[in-house]
């Protein structure tokens, strides 16, 4: 993706590349973009890039949903096993 290449070239000597730096860079970039800007970027993607983008979004969103559900089940199970008397 051209955008990723450009961001990488711009910041590769300024950041360490750890998760915190990458998160900060991504969120700072998104804060500066309008809805229309983002749609323009999406329209420029080729078919494989769009599939990759949607794949990552789906994977991360599903991981989050399952993690929330697992946390809720553990919390409920933990309470049901306690002797409250």
Foldseek 3Di string as FASTA:
>chain_A
DVVVVVLCVVCVVPDPPDPVVVVVSVVVVVVPDDPVRVVVVLVPDDPVVNVVVVVVVVVVVVVVVVVVVVVVVVVVVVVVPDDPD
